[in-house]
Amino acid sequence: MVTVKKMVLDILKPHRPNALEFCLGVAAVGADYRVQLTVLEMDEKTESLRLQVEGAALDFEAIHGAINTLGGSLHSIDEVEVHSGAGTD
Protein backbone atom coordinates (compact mmCIF):
# COMPACT_ATOMS: atom_id res chain seq x y z
CA MET A 1 0.00 0.00 0.00
CA VAL A 2 1.28 3.46 -0.90
CA THR A 3 0.66 6.27 1.60
CA VAL A 4 1.48 9.96 1.65
CA LYS A 5 3.25 10.80 4.92
CA LYS A 6 4.24 14.45 4.40
CA MET A 7 3.38 17.37 2.14
CA VAL A 8 4.75 20.89 2.02
CA LEU A 9 2.35 23.28 0.32
CA ASP A 10 2.60 26.88 -0.86
CA ILE A 11 -0.66 28.64 0.07
CA LEU A 12 -2.08 32.13 -0.40
CA LYS A 13 -4.79 33.11 2.10
CA PRO A 14 -6.54 36.22 3.42
CA HIS A 15 -5.55 37.52 6.88
CA ARG A 16 -8.66 35.87 8.35
CA PRO A 17 -8.75 33.17 9.54
CA ASN A 18 -5.52 33.69 11.47
CA ALA A 19 -2.64 31.18 11.37
CA LEU A 20 -3.84 29.19 14.38
CA GLU A 21 -7.41 28.88 13.08
CA PHE A 22 -6.09 27.90 9.64
CA CYS A 23 -3.87 25.14 11.13
CA LEU A 24 -6.71 23.83 13.28
CA GLY A 25 -9.00 23.68 10.25
CA VAL A 26 -6.50 21.70 8.19
CA ALA A 27 -5.57 19.38 11.08
CA ALA A 28 -9.25 18.60 11.71
CA VAL A 29 -9.60 16.67 8.43
CA GLY A 30 -7.30 13.86 9.63
CA ALA A 31 -7.18 11.77 12.78
CA ASP A 32 -3.43 12.21 13.36
CA TYR A 33 -2.41 15.20 11.22
CA ARG A 34 0.45 17.38 12.42
CA VAL A 35 0.36 20.81 10.79
CA GLN A 36 3.08 23.44 10.79
CA LEU A 37 2.54 26.86 9.22
CA THR A 38 5.12 29.51 8.37
CA VAL A 39 4.09 32.96 7.12
CA LEU A 40 6.48 33.83 4.31
CA GLU A 41 5.05 37.16 3.19
CA MET A 42 2.24 39.53 4.09
CA ASP A 43 0.64 42.36 2.18
CA GLU A 44 -2.44 44.47 2.87
CA LYS A 45 -4.94 41.69 2.16
CA THR A 46 -3.15 38.34 1.95
CA GLU A 47 -0.49 36.08 3.44
CA SER A 48 1.79 33.65 1.61
CA LEU A 49 2.30 30.49 3.66
CA ARG A 50 4.43 27.38 3.79
CA LEU A 51 2.14 24.68 5.17
CA GLN A 52 3.65 21.35 6.22
CA VAL A 53 1.24 18.50 6.94
CA GLU A 54 2.36 15.11 8.28
CA GLY A 55 0.43 11.99 9.24
CA ALA A 56 0.13 8.24 8.80
CA ALA A 57 -1.86 8.53 5.55
CA LEU A 58 -2.61 12.03 4.25
CA ASP A 59 -5.74 12.64 2.19
CA PHE A 60 -4.77 15.32 -0.33
CA GLU A 61 -8.34 15.97 -1.48
CA ALA A 62 -9.54 16.52 2.11
CA ILE A 63 -6.60 18.82 2.85
CA HIS A 64 -7.16 20.76 -0.38
CA GLY A 65 -10.87 21.04 0.43
CA ALA A 66 -10.10 22.41 3.91
CA ILE A 67 -7.69 24.98 2.45
CA ASN A 68 -10.38 26.16 0.02
CA THR A 69 -13.07 26.24 2.73
CA LEU A 70 -10.79 28.39 4.88
CA GLY A 71 -10.38 30.88 2.01
CA GLY A 72 -6.94 29.73 0.92
CA SER A 73 -5.60 28.97 -2.52
CA LEU A 74 -3.08 26.20 -3.23
CA HIS A 75 -0.23 27.59 -5.36
CA SER A 76 2.02 24.54 -5.43
CA ILE A 77 3.02 21.26 -3.84
CA ASP A 78 6.65 21.90 -2.93
CA GLU A 79 7.59 18.65 -1.19
CA VAL A 80 6.03 15.20 -0.80
CA GLU A 81 7.06 12.12 1.15
CA VAL A 82 5.43 8.84 0.11
CA HIS A 83 5.94 5.37 1.59
CA SER A 84 5.28 2.15 -0.26
CA GLY A 85 4.82 -1.38 1.02
CA ALA A 86 4.31 -2.99 4.42
CA GLY A 87 6.39 -1.96 7.41
CA THR A 88 7.56 1.38 6.00
CA ASP A 89 6.74 3.68 8.90
PDB file of N, CA and C in Angstrom:
ATOM      1  N   MET A   1       0.840  -1.183   0.000  1.00  0.00           N
ATOM      2  CA  MET A   1       0.000   0.000   0.000  1.00  0.00           C
ATOM      3  C   MET A   1       0.886   1.249   0.000  1.00  0.00           C
ATOM      4  N   VAL A   2       0.537   2.216  -0.807  1.00  0.00           N
ATOM      5  CA  VAL A   2       1.283   3.460  -0.898  1.00  0.00           C
ATOM      6  C   VAL A   2       0.538   4.526  -0.090  1.00  0.00           C
ATOM      7  N   THR A   3       1.268   5.215   0.789  1.00  0.00           N
ATOM      8  CA  THR A   3       0.658   6.271   1.597  1.00  0.00           C
ATOM      9  C   THR A   3       1.508   7.536   1.548  1.00  0.00           C
ATOM     10  N   VAL A   4       0.813   8.664   1.594  1.00  0.00           N
ATOM     11  CA  VAL A   4       1.483   9.960   1.653  1.00  0.00           C
ATOM     12  C   VAL A   4       1.671  10.293   3.123  1.00  0.00           C
ATOM     13  N   LYS A   5       2.907  10.526   3.523  1.00  0.00           N
ATOM     14  CA  LYS A   5       3.246  10.795   4.920  1.00  0.00           C
ATOM     15  C   LYS A   5       3.460  12.285   5.201  1.00  0.00           C
ATOM     16  N   LYS A   6       3.896  13.034   4.181  1.00  0.00           N
ATOM     17  CA  LYS A   6       4.235  14.447   4.403  1.00  0.00           C
ATOM     18  C   LYS A   6       4.028  15.219   3.114  1.00  0.00           C
ATOM     19  N   MET A   7       3.500  16.443   3.256  1.00  0.00           N
ATOM     20  CA  MET A   7       3.376  17.365   2.138  1.00  0.00           C
ATOM     21  C   MET A   7       3.755  18.762   2.615  1.00  0.00           C
ATOM     22  N   VAL A   8       4.453  19.486   1.769  1.00  0.00           N
ATOM     23  CA  VAL A   8       4.747  20.889   2.017  1.00  0.00           C
ATOM     24  C   VAL A   8       4.075  21.670   0.894  1.00  0.00           C
ATOM     25  N   LEU A   9       3.181  22.577   1.274  1.00  0.00           N
ATOM     26  CA  LEU A   9       2.348  23.284   0.321  1.00  0.00           C
ATOM     27  C   LEU A   9       2.595  24.790   0.382  1.00  0.00           C
ATOM     28  N   ASP A  10       2.516  25.435  -0.760  1.00  0.00           N
ATOM     29  CA  ASP A  10       2.598  26.885  -0.860  1.00  0.00           C
ATOM     30  C   ASP A  10       1.164  27.392  -0.989  1.00  0.00           C
ATOM     31  N   ILE A  11       0.731  28.201  -0.032  1.00  0.00           N
ATOM     32  CA  ILE A  11      -0.665  28.643   0.069  1.00  0.00           C
ATOM     33  C   ILE A  11      -0.720  30.166   0.088  1.00  0.00           C
ATOM     34  N   LEU A  12      -1.744  30.717  -0.537  1.00  0.00           N
ATOM     35  CA  LEU A  12      -2.081  32.132  -0.400  1.00  0.00           C
ATOM     36  C   LEU A  12      -3.430  32.201   0.292  1.00  0.00           C
ATOM     37  N   LYS A  13      -3.530  33.004   1.369  1.00  0.00           N
ATOM     38  CA  LYS A  13      -4.789  33.106   2.101  1.00  0.00           C
ATOM     39  C   LYS A  13      -5.009  34.542   2.561  1.00  0.00           C
ATOM     40  N   PRO A  14      -6.271  34.906   2.826  1.00  0.00           N
ATOM     41  CA  PRO A  14      -6.538  36.224   3.417  1.00  0.00           C
ATOM     42  C   PRO A  14      -6.057  36.242   4.872  1.00  0.00           C
ATOM     43  N   HIS A  15      -6.015  37.415   5.488  1.00  0.00           N
ATOM     44  CA  HIS A  15      -5.552  37.518   6.875  1.00  0.00           C
ATOM     45  C   HIS A  15      -6.460  36.756   7.849  1.00  0.00           C
ATOM     46  N   ARG A  16      -7.713  36.632   7.520  1.00  0.00           N
ATOM     47  CA  ARG A  16      -8.657  35.871   8.347  1.00  0.00           C
ATOM     48  C   ARG A  16      -9.087  34.646   7.589  1.00  0.00           C
ATOM     49  N   PRO A  17      -9.070  33.461   8.158  1.00  0.00           N
ATOM     50  CA  PRO A  17      -8.750  33.169   9.544  1.00  0.00           C
ATOM     51  C   PRO A  17      -7.252  33.357   9.821  1.00  0.00           C
ATOM     52  N   ASN A  18      -6.928  33.525  11.109  1.00  0.00           N
ATOM     53  CA  ASN A  18      -5.520  33.692  11.471  1.00  0.00           C
ATOM     54  C   ASN A  18      -4.781  32.356  11.334  1.00  0.00           C
ATOM     55  N   ALA A  19      -3.477  32.376  11.568  1.00  0.00           N
ATOM     56  CA  ALA A  19      -2.639  31.182  11.367  1.00  0.00           C
ATOM     57  C   ALA A  19      -3.079  30.009  12.236  1.00  0.00           C
ATOM     58  N   LEU A  20      -3.425  30.269  13.493  1.00  0.00           N
ATOM     59  CA  LEU A  20      -3.845  29.190  14.384  1.00  0.00           C
ATOM     60  C   LEU A  20      -5.148  28.563  13.905  1.00  0.00           C
ATOM     61  N   GLU A  21      -6.122  29.388  13.567  1.00  0.00           N
ATOM     62  CA  GLU A  21      -7.407  28.877  13.083  1.00  0.00           C
ATOM     63  C   GLU A  21      -7.238  28.097  11.784  1.00  0.00           C
ATOM     64  N   PHE A  22      -6.356  28.575  10.910  1.00  0.00           N
ATOM     65  CA  PHE A  22      -6.089  27.896   9.643  1.00  0.00           C
ATOM     66  C   PHE A  22      -5.492  26.509   9.898  1.00  0.00           C
ATOM     67  N   CYS A  23      -4.495  26.430  10.783  1.00  0.00           N
ATOM     68  CA  CYS A  23      -3.873  25.143  11.127  1.00  0.00           C
ATOM     69  C   CYS A  23      -4.882  24.178  11.740  1.00  0.00           C
ATOM     70  N   LEU A  24      -5.692  24.682  12.652  1.00  0.00           N
ATOM     71  CA  LEU A  24      -6.710  23.833  13.282  1.00  0.00           C
ATOM     72  C   LEU A  24      -7.688  23.287  12.251  1.00  0.00           C
ATOM     73  N   GLY A  25      -8.081  24.119  11.301  1.00  0.00           N
ATOM     74  CA  GLY A  25      -9.000  23.684  10.255  1.00  0.00           C
ATOM     75  C   GLY A  25      -8.420  22.606   9.365  1.00  0.00           C
ATOM     76  N   VAL A  26      -7.148  22.721   9.020  1.00  0.00           N
ATOM     77  CA  VAL A  26      -6.497  21.700   8.191  1.00  0.00           C
ATOM     78  C   VAL A  26      -6.281  20.424   9.001  1.00  0.00           C
ATOM     79  N   ALA A  27      -5.821  20.561  10.235  1.00  0.00           N
ATOM     80  CA  ALA A  27      -5.569  19.381  11.082  1.00  0.00           C
ATOM     81  C   ALA A  27      -6.839  18.591  11.354  1.00  0.00           C
ATOM     82  N   ALA A  28      -7.979  19.260  11.378  1.00  0.00           N
ATOM     83  CA  ALA A  28      -9.245  18.604  11.710  1.00  0.00           C
ATOM     84  C   ALA A  28      -9.697  17.584  10.673  1.00  0.00           C
ATOM     85  N   VAL A  29      -9.147  17.618   9.464  1.00  0.00           N
ATOM     86  CA  VAL A  29      -9.598  16.675   8.432  1.00  0.00           C
ATOM     87  C   VAL A  29      -8.936  15.301   8.547  1.00  0.00           C
ATOM     88  N   GLY A  30      -7.964  15.153   9.432  1.00  0.00           N
ATOM     89  CA  GLY A  30      -7.305  13.861   9.627  1.00  0.00           C
ATOM     90  C   GLY A  30      -7.220  13.503  11.096  1.00  0.00           C
ATOM     91  N   ALA A  31      -7.195  12.230  11.380  1.00  0.00           N
ATOM     92  CA  ALA A  31      -7.175  11.770  12.779  1.00  0.00           C
ATOM     93  C   ALA A  31      -5.855  12.063  13.482  1.00  0.00           C
ATOM     94  N   ASP A  32      -4.755  12.057  12.728  1.00  0.00           N
ATOM     95  CA  ASP A  32      -3.434  12.212  13.361  1.00  0.00           C
ATOM     96  C   ASP A  32      -2.568  13.257  12.662  1.00  0.00           C
ATOM     97  N   TYR A  33      -3.184  14.216  11.989  1.00  0.00           N
ATOM     98  CA  TYR A  33      -2.415  15.198  11.222  1.00  0.00           C
ATOM     99  C   TYR A  33      -1.646  16.142  12.133  1.00  0.00           C
ATOM    100  N   ARG A  34      -0.390  16.367  11.778  1.00  0.00           N
ATOM    101  CA  ARG A  34       0.451  17.384  12.416  1.00  0.00           C
ATOM    102  C   ARG A  34       0.656  18.483  11.378  1.00  0.00           C
ATOM    103  N   VAL A  35       0.320  19.707  11.751  1.00  0.00           N
ATOM    104  CA  VAL A  35       0.355  20.813  10.795  1.00  0.00           C
ATOM    105  C   VAL A  35       1.278  21.906  11.313  1.00  0.00           C
ATOM    106  N   GLN A  36       2.187  22.346  10.462  1.00  0.00           N
ATOM    107  CA  GLN A  36       3.083  23.443  10.793  1.00  0.00           C
ATOM    108  C   GLN A  36       2.926  24.509   9.714  1.00  0.00           C
ATOM    109  N   LEU A  37       2.754  25.756  10.144  1.00  0.00           N
ATOM    110  CA  LEU A  37       2.536  26.859   9.220  1.00  0.00           C
ATOM    111  C   LEU A  37       3.607  27.920   9.431  1.00  0.00           C
ATOM    112  N   THR A  38       4.177  28.405   8.332  1.00  0.00           N
ATOM    113  CA  THR A  38       5.124  29.508   8.370  1.00  0.00           C
ATOM    114  C   THR A  38       4.611  30.597   7.435  1.00  0.00           C
ATOM    115  N   VAL A  39       4.475  31.822   7.955  1.00  0.00           N
ATOM    116  CA  VAL A  39       4.094  32.957   7.118  1.00  0.00           C
ATOM    117  C   VAL A  39       5.355  33.448   6.414  1.00  0.00           C
ATOM    118  N   LEU A  40       5.328  33.422   5.095  1.00  0.00           N
ATOM    119  CA  LEU A  40       6.484  33.825   4.309  1.00  0.00           C
ATOM    120  C   LEU A  40       6.437  35.297   3.919  1.00  0.00           C
ATOM    121  N   GLU A  41       5.234  35.771   3.612  1.00  0.00           N
ATOM    122  CA  GLU A  41       5.048  37.164   3.189  1.00  0.00           C
ATOM    123  C   GLU A  41       3.660  37.621   3.582  1.00  0.00           C
ATOM    124  N   MET A  42       3.543  38.933   3.821  1.00  0.00           N
ATOM    125  CA  MET A  42       2.241  39.533   4.093  1.00  0.00           C
ATOM    126  C   MET A  42       2.122  40.811   3.275  1.00  0.00           C
ATOM    127  N   ASP A  43       0.915  41.055   2.760  1.00  0.00           N
ATOM    128  CA  ASP A  43       0.638  42.359   2.182  1.00  0.00           C
ATOM    129  C   ASP A  43      -0.641  42.878   2.825  1.00  0.00           C
ATOM    130  N   GLU A  44      -1.269  43.858   2.248  1.00  0.00           N
ATOM    131  CA  GLU A  44      -2.436  44.470   2.875  1.00  0.00           C
ATOM    132  C   GLU A  44      -3.595  43.503   3.064  1.00  0.00           C
ATOM    133  N   LYS A  45      -3.761  42.560   2.134  1.00  0.00           N
ATOM    134  CA  LYS A  45      -4.940  41.690   2.161  1.00  0.00           C
ATOM    135  C   LYS A  45      -4.640  40.204   2.306  1.00  0.00           C
ATOM    136  N   THR A  46      -3.426  39.775   2.001  1.00  0.00           N
ATOM    137  CA  THR A  46      -3.150  38.339   1.953  1.00  0.00           C
ATOM    138  C   THR A  46      -1.847  37.969   2.662  1.00  0.00           C
ATOM    139  N   GLU A  47      -1.704  36.662   2.880  1.00  0.00           N
ATOM    140  CA  GLU A  47      -0.491  36.081   3.442  1.00  0.00           C
ATOM    141  C   GLU A  47      -0.060  34.913   2.559  1.00  0.00           C
ATOM    142  N   SER A  48       1.223  34.813   2.285  1.00  0.00           N
ATOM    143  CA  SER A  48       1.793  33.651   1.605  1.00  0.00           C
ATOM    144  C   SER A  48       2.334  32.726   2.683  1.00  0.00           C
ATOM    145  N   LEU A  49       1.966  31.446   2.609  1.00  0.00           N
ATOM    146  CA  LEU A  49       2.296  30.488   3.658  1.00  0.00           C
ATOM    147  C   LEU A  49       3.062  29.302   3.118  1.00  0.00           C
ATOM    148  N   ARG A  50       3.860  28.713   3.996  1.00  0.00           N
ATOM    149  CA  ARG A  50       4.428  27.380   3.789  1.00  0.00           C
ATOM    150  C   ARG A  50       3.698  26.506   4.791  1.00  0.00           C
ATOM    151  N   LEU A  51       2.934  25.545   4.309  1.00  0.00           N
ATOM    152  CA  LEU A  51       2.144  24.676   5.167  1.00  0.00           C
ATOM    153  C   LEU A  51       2.686  23.260   5.061  1.00  0.00           C
ATOM    154  N   GLN A  52       3.143  22.720   6.182  1.00  0.00           N
ATOM    155  CA  GLN A  52       3.648  21.350   6.220  1.00  0.00           C
ATOM    156  C   GLN A  52       2.633  20.495   6.969  1.00  0.00           C
ATOM    157  N   VAL A  53       2.208  19.409   6.330  1.00  0.00           N
ATOM    158  CA  VAL A  53       1.240  18.496   6.935  1.00  0.00           C
ATOM    159  C   VAL A  53       1.868  17.112   6.959  1.00  0.00           C
ATOM    160  N   GLU A  54       1.825  16.463   8.133  1.00  0.00           N
ATOM    161  CA  GLU A  54       2.363  15.115   8.284  1.00  0.00           C
ATOM    162  C   GLU A  54       1.322  14.231   8.957  1.00  0.00           C
ATOM    163  N   GLY A  55       1.341  12.947   8.623  1.00  0.00           N
ATOM    164  CA  GLY A  55       0.427  11.991   9.239  1.00  0.00           C
ATOM    165  C   GLY A  55       0.673  10.604   8.681  1.00  0.00           C
ATOM    166  N   ALA A  56      -0.049   9.634   9.216  1.00  0.00           N
ATOM    167  CA  ALA A  56       0.133   8.242   8.800  1.00  0.00           C
ATOM    168  C   ALA A  56      -0.287   8.019   7.353  1.00  0.00           C
ATOM    169  N   ALA A  57      -1.360   8.686   6.918  1.00  0.00           N
ATOM    170  CA  ALA A  57      -1.864   8.533   5.551  1.00  0.00           C
ATOM    171  C   ALA A  57      -2.649   9.792   5.198  1.00  0.00           C
ATOM    172  N   LEU A  58      -1.972  10.755   4.566  1.00  0.00           N
ATOM    173  CA  LEU A  58      -2.609  12.027   4.252  1.00  0.00           C
ATOM    174  C   LEU A  58      -3.602  11.889   3.104  1.00  0.00           C
ATOM    175  N   ASP A  59      -4.708  12.592   3.222  1.00  0.00           N
ATOM    176  CA  ASP A  59      -5.741  12.639   2.187  1.00  0.00           C
ATOM    177  C   ASP A  59      -5.646  14.007   1.513  1.00  0.00           C
ATOM    178  N   PHE A  60      -4.994  14.046   0.350  1.00  0.00           N
ATOM    179  CA  PHE A  60      -4.765  15.320  -0.333  1.00  0.00           C
ATOM    180  C   PHE A  60      -6.074  16.041  -0.636  1.00  0.00           C
ATOM    181  N   GLU A  61      -7.076  15.331  -1.119  1.00  0.00           N
ATOM    182  CA  GLU A  61      -8.343  15.968  -1.480  1.00  0.00           C
ATOM    183  C   GLU A  61      -9.002  16.617  -0.263  1.00  0.00           C
ATOM    184  N   ALA A  62      -8.959  15.953   0.886  1.00  0.00           N
ATOM    185  CA  ALA A  62      -9.537  16.521   2.109  1.00  0.00           C
ATOM    186  C   ALA A  62      -8.761  17.752   2.561  1.00  0.00           C
ATOM    187  N   ILE A  63      -7.440  17.682   2.470  1.00  0.00           N
ATOM    188  CA  ILE A  63      -6.600  18.824   2.846  1.00  0.00           C
ATOM    189  C   ILE A  63      -6.862  19.997   1.904  1.00  0.00           C
ATOM    190  N   HIS A  64      -6.892  19.718   0.612  1.00  0.00           N
ATOM    191  CA  HIS A  64      -7.160  20.757  -0.379  1.00  0.00           C
ATOM    192  C   HIS A  64      -8.538  21.379  -0.153  1.00  0.00           C
ATOM    193  N   GLY A  65      -9.527  20.551   0.141  1.00  0.00           N
ATOM    194  CA  GLY A  65     -10.870  21.044   0.432  1.00  0.00           C
ATOM    195  C   GLY A  65     -10.897  21.956   1.651  1.00  0.00           C
ATOM    196  N   ALA A  66     -10.161  21.582   2.703  1.00  0.00           N
ATOM    197  CA  ALA A  66     -10.099  22.412   3.913  1.00  0.00           C
ATOM    198  C   ALA A  66      -9.437  23.750   3.615  1.00  0.00           C
ATOM    199  N   ILE A  67      -8.378  23.737   2.834  1.00  0.00           N
ATOM    200  CA  ILE A  67      -7.695  24.980   2.453  1.00  0.00           C
ATOM    201  C   ILE A  67      -8.667  25.905   1.733  1.00  0.00           C
ATOM    202  N   ASN A  68      -9.412  25.359   0.768  1.00  0.00           N
ATOM    203  CA  ASN A  68     -10.385  26.162   0.022  1.00  0.00           C
ATOM    204  C   ASN A  68     -11.493  26.686   0.929  1.00  0.00           C
ATOM    205  N   THR A  69     -12.005  25.840   1.811  1.00  0.00           N
ATOM    206  CA  THR A  69     -13.067  26.236   2.731  1.00  0.00           C
ATOM    207  C   THR A  69     -12.612  27.376   3.643  1.00  0.00           C
ATOM    208  N   LEU A  70     -11.350  27.359   4.005  1.00  0.00           N
ATOM    209  CA  LEU A  70     -10.787  28.393   4.878  1.00  0.00           C
ATOM    210  C   LEU A  70     -10.377  29.652   4.107  1.00  0.00           C
ATOM    211  N   GLY A  71     -10.658  29.693   2.814  1.00  0.00           N
ATOM    212  CA  GLY A  71     -10.379  30.879   2.009  1.00  0.00           C
ATOM    213  C   GLY A  71      -9.021  30.902   1.358  1.00  0.00           C
ATOM    214  N   GLY A  72      -8.279  29.792   1.485  1.00  0.00           N
ATOM    215  CA  GLY A  72      -6.941  29.730   0.916  1.00  0.00           C
ATOM    216  C   GLY A  72      -6.936  29.234  -0.516  1.00  0.00           C
ATOM    217  N   SER A  73      -5.801  29.417  -1.158  1.00  0.00           N
ATOM    218  CA  SER A  73      -5.600  28.969  -2.524  1.00  0.00           C
ATOM    219  C   SER A  73      -4.263  28.227  -2.601  1.00  0.00           C
ATOM    220  N   LEU A  74      -4.294  27.002  -3.088  1.00  0.00           N
ATOM    221  CA  LEU A  74      -3.076  26.200  -3.230  1.00  0.00           C
ATOM    222  C   LEU A  74      -2.300  26.669  -4.451  1.00  0.00           C
ATOM    223  N   HIS A  75      -1.072  27.154  -4.242  1.00  0.00           N
ATOM    224  CA  HIS A  75      -0.231  27.586  -5.356  1.00  0.00           C
ATOM    225  C   HIS A  75       0.610  26.443  -5.885  1.00  0.00           C
ATOM    226  N   SER A  76       1.187  25.637  -4.973  1.00  0.00           N
ATOM    227  CA  SER A  76       2.024  24.536  -5.433  1.00  0.00           C
ATOM    228  C   SER A  76       2.230  23.521  -4.322  1.00  0.00           C
ATOM    229  N   ILE A  77       2.572  22.308  -4.750  1.00  0.00           N
ATOM    230  CA  ILE A  77       3.021  21.262  -3.836  1.00  0.00           C
ATOM    231  C   ILE A  77       4.539  21.267  -3.949  1.00  0.00           C
ATOM    232  N   ASP A  78       5.210  21.700  -2.869  1.00  0.00           N
ATOM    233  CA  ASP A  78       6.650  21.904  -2.934  1.00  0.00           C
ATOM    234  C   ASP A  78       7.468  20.706  -2.475  1.00  0.00           C
ATOM    235  N   GLU A  79       6.869  19.829  -1.690  1.00  0.00           N
ATOM    236  CA  GLU A  79       7.588  18.646  -1.194  1.00  0.00           C
ATOM    237  C   GLU A  79       6.560  17.582  -0.841  1.00  0.00           C
ATOM    238  N   VAL A  80       6.905  16.325  -1.123  1.00  0.00           N
ATOM    239  CA  VAL A  80       6.027  15.199  -0.800  1.00  0.00           C
ATOM    240  C   VAL A  80       6.898  14.042  -0.328  1.00  0.00           C
ATOM    241  N   GLU A  81       6.426  13.351   0.710  1.00  0.00           N
ATOM    242  CA  GLU A  81       7.065  12.120   1.152  1.00  0.00           C
ATOM    243  C   GLU A  81       6.023  11.011   1.076  1.00  0.00           C
ATOM    244  N   VAL A  82       6.341   9.952   0.330  1.00  0.00           N
ATOM    245  CA  VAL A  82       5.426   8.842   0.112  1.00  0.00           C
ATOM    246  C   VAL A  82       6.130   7.554   0.521  1.00  0.00           C
ATOM    247  N   HIS A  83       5.397   6.684   1.204  1.00  0.00           N
ATOM    248  CA  HIS A  83       5.937   5.372   1.590  1.00  0.00           C
ATOM    249  C   HIS A  83       5.160   4.294   0.871  1.00  0.00           C
ATOM    250  N   SER A  84       5.873   3.260   0.482  1.00  0.00           N
ATOM    251  CA  SER A  84       5.280   2.151  -0.259  1.00  0.00           C
ATOM    252  C   SER A  84       5.583   0.837   0.451  1.00  0.00           C
ATOM    253  N   GLY A  85       4.597  -0.056   0.484  1.00  0.00           N
ATOM    254  CA  GLY A  85       4.816  -1.381   1.024  1.00  0.00           C
ATOM    255  C   GLY A  85       4.564  -1.494   2.512  1.00  0.00           C
ATOM    256  N   ALA A  86       4.565  -2.714   3.003  1.00  0.00           N
ATOM    257  CA  ALA A  86       4.305  -2.994   4.423  1.00  0.00           C
ATOM    258  C   ALA A  86       5.541  -2.670   5.260  1.00  0.00           C
ATOM    259  N   GLY A  87       5.306  -2.202   6.461  1.00  0.00           N
ATOM    260  CA  GLY A  87       6.388  -1.959   7.409  1.00  0.00           C
ATOM    261  C   GLY A  87       7.284  -0.796   7.049  1.00  0.00           C
ATOM    262  N   THR A  88       6.745   0.223   6.401  1.00  0.00           N
ATOM    263  CA  THR A  88       7.560   1.379   6.003  1.00  0.00           C
ATOM    264  C   THR A  88       7.159   2.611   6.782  1.00  0.00           C
ATOM    265  N   ASP A  89       7.135   2.529   8.082  1.00  0.00           N
ATOM    266  CA  ASP A  89       6.742   3.681   8.896  1.00  0.00           C
ATOM    267  C   ASP A  89       7.823   4.693   9.005  1.00  0.00           C
TER     268      ASP A  89
END
